[in-house]
N, C-alpha and C. Protein backbone atom coordinates (compact mmCIF):
# COMPACT_ATOMS: atom_id res chain seq x y z
N MET A 1 -19.32 -13.08 -5.64
CA MET A 1 -19.24 -11.60 -6.39
C MET A 1 -17.82 -11.39 -7.16
N ILE A 2 -16.49 -11.63 -5.97
CA ILE A 2 -15.04 -11.72 -6.75
C ILE A 2 -14.54 -12.81 -7.41
N GLU A 3 -15.18 -13.94 -6.93
CA GLU A 3 -14.56 -14.89 -6.68
C GLU A 3 -13.34 -15.61 -8.44
N PRO A 4 -15.03 -15.11 -9.80
CA PRO A 4 -14.34 -15.09 -10.74
C PRO A 4 -12.48 -14.11 -11.23
N PHE A 5 -12.60 -13.37 -10.47
CA PHE A 5 -11.73 -12.55 -10.29
C PHE A 5 -10.75 -13.23 -9.92
N LEU A 6 -10.02 -14.14 -9.21
CA LEU A 6 -9.51 -15.01 -8.48
C LEU A 6 -8.95 -16.42 -8.75
N ALA A 7 -7.80 -16.18 -9.48
CA ALA A 7 -7.25 -17.40 -10.71
C ALA A 7 -6.78 -18.57 -9.82
N PRO A 8 -6.87 -19.72 -9.82
CA PRO A 8 -6.64 -20.61 -8.40
C PRO A 8 -4.98 -20.42 -8.92
N PRO A 9 -4.24 -21.17 -7.98
CA PRO A 9 -3.45 -21.51 -7.71
C PRO A 9 -2.21 -22.21 -8.93
N ARG A 10 -1.09 -21.75 -9.46
CA ARG A 10 -0.39 -22.10 -10.95
C ARG A 10 0.20 -23.81 -10.12
N MET A 11 0.66 -24.42 -8.99
CA MET A 11 1.22 -25.52 -8.72
C MET A 11 0.04 -26.57 -8.74
N GLY A 12 0.14 -28.25 -8.41
CA GLY A 12 -0.20 -29.00 -7.96
C GLY A 12 -0.92 -29.26 -7.28
N ARG A 13 -0.55 -28.16 -6.29
CA ARG A 13 -1.91 -28.55 -5.08
C ARG A 13 -2.85 -28.12 -4.70
N PRO A 14 -3.29 -28.49 -3.45
CA PRO A 14 -5.14 -28.24 -3.14
C PRO A 14 -4.84 -26.74 -3.02
N VAL A 15 -5.87 -26.65 -3.98
CA VAL A 15 -6.21 -24.55 -4.12
C VAL A 15 -6.63 -24.31 -2.31
N ARG A 16 -5.93 -23.56 -1.72
CA ARG A 16 -6.20 -22.78 -0.42
C ARG A 16 -8.03 -22.05 -0.91
N ASP A 17 -8.72 -22.40 0.08
CA ASP A 17 -10.06 -21.21 -0.25
C ASP A 17 -9.69 -20.01 -0.14
N HIS A 18 -10.57 -19.56 -1.01
CA HIS A 18 -9.78 -18.04 -1.71
C HIS A 18 -10.79 -16.85 -0.26
N ARG A 19 -11.91 -17.11 -0.03
CA ARG A 19 -12.10 -16.76 1.07
C ARG A 19 -11.07 -16.55 2.18
N GLN A 20 -10.68 -17.79 2.30
CA GLN A 20 -9.65 -17.46 3.74
C GLN A 20 -8.94 -16.57 3.39
N VAL A 21 -8.06 -16.62 2.16
CA VAL A 21 -6.72 -16.33 1.64
C VAL A 21 -7.29 -14.70 1.81
N VAL A 22 -8.18 -13.94 0.79
CA VAL A 22 -8.56 -12.89 0.93
C VAL A 22 -8.92 -12.67 2.70
N ASN A 23 -9.83 -13.10 3.14
CA ASN A 23 -9.66 -12.71 4.88
C ASN A 23 -8.15 -12.16 5.66
N GLY A 24 -6.73 -13.54 4.77
CA GLY A 24 -5.63 -13.36 5.67
C GLY A 24 -5.00 -12.52 5.08
N ILE A 25 -5.40 -11.51 3.82
CA ILE A 25 -4.58 -10.24 3.35
C ILE A 25 -5.75 -8.97 4.10
N LEU A 26 -6.41 -9.19 4.13
CA LEU A 26 -7.17 -8.01 4.91
C LEU A 26 -6.95 -8.18 6.00
N TRP A 27 -6.47 -9.05 6.38
CA TRP A 27 -6.08 -9.32 8.40
C TRP A 27 -4.55 -8.41 8.35
N LYS A 28 -3.87 -8.49 6.89
CA LYS A 28 -2.52 -7.99 7.63
C LYS A 28 -2.47 -7.15 6.96
N LEU A 29 -3.63 -6.06 6.20
CA LEU A 29 -2.96 -4.75 5.57
C LEU A 29 -4.02 -3.96 7.35
N SER A 30 -4.32 -4.35 7.73
CA SER A 30 -5.20 -3.41 8.82
C SER A 30 -4.89 -3.59 9.50
N THR A 31 -3.97 -4.50 9.85
CA THR A 31 -3.45 -4.98 11.45
C THR A 31 -1.90 -4.07 11.45
N GLY A 32 -1.44 -4.36 9.83
CA GLY A 32 0.03 -3.84 9.74
C GLY A 32 1.48 -4.45 10.43
N ALA A 33 1.02 -6.20 10.95
CA ALA A 33 1.44 -6.51 11.06
C ALA A 33 2.68 -8.10 10.59
N ALA A 34 3.44 -9.01 10.77
CA ALA A 34 4.22 -9.22 9.77
C ALA A 34 3.55 -10.50 9.32
N TRP A 35 4.02 -10.67 8.16
CA TRP A 35 3.35 -11.42 7.37
C TRP A 35 3.70 -13.30 8.01
N ARG A 36 4.50 -13.08 9.22
CA ARG A 36 5.20 -14.44 9.25
C ARG A 36 3.97 -14.66 11.08
N ASP A 37 2.86 -13.21 11.05
CA ASP A 37 1.97 -13.66 11.99
C ASP A 37 0.58 -13.65 12.08
N LEU A 38 1.13 -13.96 11.03
CA LEU A 38 -0.34 -14.66 10.21
C LEU A 38 -1.06 -15.60 11.15
N PRO A 39 -2.39 -15.35 11.70
CA PRO A 39 -3.34 -16.36 12.58
C PRO A 39 -3.19 -17.66 11.89
N GLU A 40 -3.11 -18.56 12.23
CA GLU A 40 -3.15 -19.98 11.67
C GLU A 40 -5.13 -20.20 10.83
N ARG A 41 -5.80 -19.77 11.04
CA ARG A 41 -7.08 -19.25 10.37
C ARG A 41 -6.95 -19.38 9.25
N TYR A 42 -6.14 -18.46 8.91
CA TYR A 42 -6.02 -18.13 7.59
C TYR A 42 -5.18 -19.36 6.94
N GLY A 43 -4.42 -20.08 7.18
CA GLY A 43 -3.97 -20.75 6.07
C GLY A 43 -1.97 -20.50 6.48
N PRO A 44 -1.68 -20.62 5.96
CA PRO A 44 -0.36 -21.03 6.03
C PRO A 44 0.40 -19.57 5.84
N TRP A 45 0.95 -18.32 6.20
CA TRP A 45 1.20 -17.11 6.22
C TRP A 45 2.36 -17.21 4.37
N LYS A 46 2.34 -17.97 4.10
CA LYS A 46 3.26 -18.14 2.62
C LYS A 46 2.65 -18.32 1.99
N THR A 47 1.21 -19.11 1.63
CA THR A 47 0.60 -19.07 0.54
C THR A 47 -0.58 -17.91 0.50
N VAL A 48 -0.19 -17.20 1.63
CA VAL A 48 -1.46 -15.90 1.54
C VAL A 48 -0.57 -14.96 1.10
N TYR A 49 1.04 -14.77 1.09
CA TYR A 49 1.63 -13.90 1.19
C TYR A 49 1.95 -13.61 -0.71
N GLU A 50 1.69 -15.37 -1.11
CA GLU A 50 2.17 -15.59 -2.44
C GLU A 50 1.19 -15.27 -3.19
N ARG A 51 -0.26 -15.17 -2.36
CA ARG A 51 -1.14 -15.23 -3.06
C ARG A 51 -1.37 -13.35 -3.40
N ILE A 52 -1.11 -13.01 -2.45
CA ILE A 52 -0.78 -11.36 -3.29
C ILE A 52 -0.19 -11.00 -4.08
N ARG A 53 0.79 -11.56 -3.76
CA ARG A 53 2.18 -11.22 -4.58
C ARG A 53 1.57 -11.52 -6.41
N ARG A 54 0.94 -12.38 -6.23
CA ARG A 54 0.96 -13.07 -7.46
C ARG A 54 -0.41 -12.50 -8.18
N TRP A 55 -1.25 -11.78 -7.45
CA TRP A 55 -2.68 -11.74 -7.45
C TRP A 55 -1.85 -9.66 -7.87
N SER A 56 -1.31 -9.24 -7.10
CA SER A 56 -1.03 -7.79 -7.38
C SER A 56 -0.05 -7.78 -8.80
N ALA A 57 0.69 -8.46 -9.21
CA ALA A 57 1.53 -8.88 -10.25
C ALA A 57 1.15 -8.47 -11.74
N ASP A 58 -0.04 -10.04 -11.94
CA ASP A 58 -0.91 -10.20 -12.84
C ASP A 58 -2.68 -9.29 -13.13
N GLY A 59 -2.26 -8.10 -11.77
CA GLY A 59 -3.45 -7.23 -12.48
C GLY A 59 -4.46 -7.56 -12.28
N THR A 60 -4.79 -8.38 -10.59
CA THR A 60 -5.78 -8.72 -10.56
C THR A 60 -6.94 -7.79 -9.60
N TRP A 61 -6.20 -7.07 -8.73
CA TRP A 61 -6.51 -6.29 -7.69
C TRP A 61 -7.22 -5.37 -9.20
N ASP A 62 -6.34 -4.78 -9.84
CA ASP A 62 -6.88 -3.70 -10.79
C ASP A 62 -8.26 -4.05 -11.57
N ARG A 63 -8.23 -4.99 -11.93
CA ARG A 63 -9.55 -5.63 -12.71
C ARG A 63 -11.06 -5.82 -11.52
N LEU A 64 -10.02 -6.37 -9.94
CA LEU A 64 -11.22 -6.44 -9.45
C LEU A 64 -11.65 -5.22 -8.95
N LEU A 65 -10.96 -4.00 -8.86
CA LEU A 65 -11.68 -3.07 -8.61
C LEU A 65 -12.50 -2.04 -9.79
N ALA A 66 -11.89 -2.36 -10.57
CA ALA A 66 -12.61 -1.60 -11.88
C ALA A 66 -13.86 -2.36 -11.84
N HIS A 67 -14.43 -3.68 -11.12
CA HIS A 67 -15.17 -4.07 -11.29
C HIS A 67 -16.08 -3.50 -10.49
N VAL A 68 -15.20 -3.57 -9.37
CA VAL A 68 -16.48 -2.88 -7.69
C VAL A 68 -17.10 -1.78 -8.44
N GLN A 69 -16.02 -0.67 -8.78
CA GLN A 69 -16.70 0.54 -8.97
C GLN A 69 -17.61 0.52 -10.33
N GLN A 70 -17.74 -0.23 -11.10
CA GLN A 70 -18.65 -0.29 -12.16
C GLN A 70 -19.84 -0.56 -12.01
N ARG A 71 -19.82 -1.81 -10.86
CA ARG A 71 -20.64 -2.11 -10.43
C ARG A 71 -21.67 -1.50 -9.37
N CYS A 72 -20.73 -0.94 -9.15
CA CYS A 72 -21.15 0.11 -7.66
C CYS A 72 -21.66 1.64 -7.79
N ASP A 73 -21.15 1.64 -9.53
CA ASP A 73 -21.73 3.14 -10.12
C ASP A 73 -23.03 2.42 -10.89
N ALA A 74 -23.05 1.27 -11.24
CA ALA A 74 -23.94 1.23 -11.70
C ALA A 74 -26.15 0.84 -10.81
N VAL A 75 -25.65 0.55 -10.27
CA VAL A 75 -26.60 0.78 -8.68
C VAL A 75 -26.12 2.12 -8.21
N GLY A 76 -25.33 3.39 -8.54
CA GLY A 76 -25.85 4.78 -8.26
C GLY A 76 -25.20 4.86 -6.20
N SER A 77 -23.61 4.06 -6.18
CA SER A 77 -23.60 4.46 -4.79
C SER A 77 -22.36 4.71 -5.07
N VAL A 78 -21.80 5.15 -5.45
CA VAL A 78 -20.45 6.30 -6.17
C VAL A 78 -21.28 7.29 -6.66
N ASP A 79 -20.46 8.11 -5.76
CA ASP A 79 -20.75 9.78 -5.95
C ASP A 79 -19.12 10.44 -6.92
N TRP A 80 -19.83 10.49 -7.60
CA TRP A 80 -17.75 10.59 -8.48
C TRP A 80 -17.78 12.78 -9.16
N THR A 81 -18.66 13.26 -8.29
CA THR A 81 -18.46 14.67 -8.07
C THR A 81 -17.35 14.48 -7.38
N VAL A 82 -15.88 15.94 -7.53
CA VAL A 82 -15.27 16.48 -6.76
C VAL A 82 -15.88 17.49 -6.21
N THR A 83 -15.80 18.32 -5.19
CA THR A 83 -16.60 19.45 -4.99
C THR A 83 -14.88 20.18 -4.92
N CYS A 84 -13.79 19.50 -4.03
CA CYS A 84 -12.92 20.82 -3.90
C CYS A 84 -11.35 19.92 -4.69
N VAL A 85 -10.58 20.68 -5.07
CA VAL A 85 -9.74 20.15 -5.19
C VAL A 85 -8.30 21.99 -4.78
N ASP A 86 -7.75 21.25 -3.90
CA ASP A 86 -6.92 22.42 -3.40
C ASP A 86 -5.71 22.22 -3.69
N SER A 87 -5.16 22.71 -4.49
CA SER A 87 -3.50 22.73 -4.93
C SER A 87 -2.65 23.81 -4.68
N THR A 88 -2.85 24.66 -3.23
CA THR A 88 -1.75 24.86 -2.21
C THR A 88 -0.69 24.37 -2.14
N THR A 89 0.50 25.43 -2.24
CA THR A 89 2.07 24.44 -2.31
C THR A 89 2.02 25.51 -0.44
N VAL A 90 2.62 24.39 -0.02
CA VAL A 90 3.67 24.95 1.61
C VAL A 90 4.83 24.74 1.34
N ARG A 91 5.78 25.93 1.43
CA ARG A 91 7.33 25.51 1.55
C ARG A 91 7.34 25.25 3.00
N ALA A 92 8.26 24.62 3.30
CA ALA A 92 8.69 23.60 4.48
C ALA A 92 9.76 24.85 4.79
N HIS A 93 10.55 25.08 5.95
CA HIS A 93 12.20 25.46 6.62
C HIS A 93 12.87 24.04 5.67
N GLN A 94 13.98 24.46 5.36
CA GLN A 94 14.83 23.32 4.89
C GLN A 94 15.30 22.55 5.96
N HIS A 95 15.16 23.44 7.17
CA HIS A 95 15.87 22.39 8.61
C HIS A 95 14.36 20.81 8.82
N ALA A 96 13.65 21.75 8.19
CA ALA A 96 12.02 20.73 8.51
C ALA A 96 11.78 19.23 7.97
N ALA A 97 13.12 19.49 6.70
CA ALA A 97 13.80 18.57 5.29
C ALA A 97 14.57 17.38 6.41
N GLY A 98 15.13 17.96 7.40
CA GLY A 98 16.28 16.72 7.27
C GLY A 98 17.30 17.75 6.14
N ALA A 99 17.34 18.47 6.49
CA ALA A 99 18.93 19.08 6.02
C ALA A 99 19.80 19.57 6.59
N ARG A 100 21.68 19.30 6.30
CA ARG A 100 22.34 19.79 7.29
C ARG A 100 21.98 20.92 7.78
N LYS A 101 22.41 21.18 9.14
CA LYS A 101 22.60 22.65 9.29
C LYS A 101 23.76 23.17 8.54
N GLY A 102 24.17 24.68 8.04
CA GLY A 102 24.92 25.34 7.48
C GLY A 102 24.85 25.15 6.24
N GLY A 103 23.87 25.04 4.85
CA GLY A 103 23.29 25.47 4.22
C GLY A 103 23.63 24.50 3.15
N SER A 104 24.24 24.66 2.28
CA SER A 104 24.25 23.33 1.25
C SER A 104 25.52 21.93 1.68
N GLY A 105 25.53 21.85 2.93
CA GLY A 105 26.34 20.62 3.51
C GLY A 105 28.27 20.86 3.67
N ARG A 106 27.86 21.91 2.81
CA ARG A 106 30.15 21.93 3.00
C ARG A 106 30.04 22.57 4.10
N ALA A 107 31.06 21.81 4.83
CA ALA A 107 31.88 22.23 6.50
C ALA A 107 31.97 23.20 6.60
N ARG A 108 31.82 23.92 7.99
CA ARG A 108 31.86 25.32 8.22
C ARG A 108 33.33 25.68 8.33
N ARG A 109 34.20 26.25 8.10
CA ARG A 109 35.30 27.14 8.77
C ARG A 109 35.66 27.46 9.58
N SER A 110 35.80 27.17 10.35
CA SER A 110 36.43 28.56 11.75
C SER A 110 37.07 29.45 10.77
N ALA A 111 36.54 30.86 11.68
CA ALA A 111 37.62 32.36 10.98
C ALA A 111 38.90 32.68 11.88
N GLY A 112 39.01 31.71 12.91
CA GLY A 112 39.78 32.02 13.52
C GLY A 112 39.04 32.49 14.70
N PRO A 113 40.25 32.85 16.10
CA PRO A 113 39.09 33.59 17.32
C PRO A 113 39.65 34.76 16.41
N ALA A 114 38.16 35.77 17.17
CA ALA A 114 38.05 37.47 17.40
C ALA A 114 39.36 38.04 17.28
N ALA A 115 38.85 38.95 16.66
CA ALA A 115 40.06 40.15 16.86
C ALA A 115 39.79 40.84 18.36
N GLY A 116 40.54 41.41 18.65
CA GLY A 116 39.91 43.05 19.38
C GLY A 116 39.82 42.50 20.85
């Protein structure tokens, strides 16, 4: 279903199977592992990395998403109604955001010993 959207590599090398590459991309994204840790069954990590990079740059993923959304919408498997949109604003204390103690970041000066 998605193969027509996946352009072959531009190089003159043999084409790595798209299914193998997509499965490698999905494995990497689901595990969060480094590209170099990609299992060999998905092919060379650099091939998989270059393919996702190119497909991201040329809009392949955007076209693929639009196609899948249209296809799913056509068969009624997408519910587009939004039941609740919450626009609440929550203000956090300045220290919760990692702000420096003491206000605007200026160094506090000691007033000297207390009188008395």
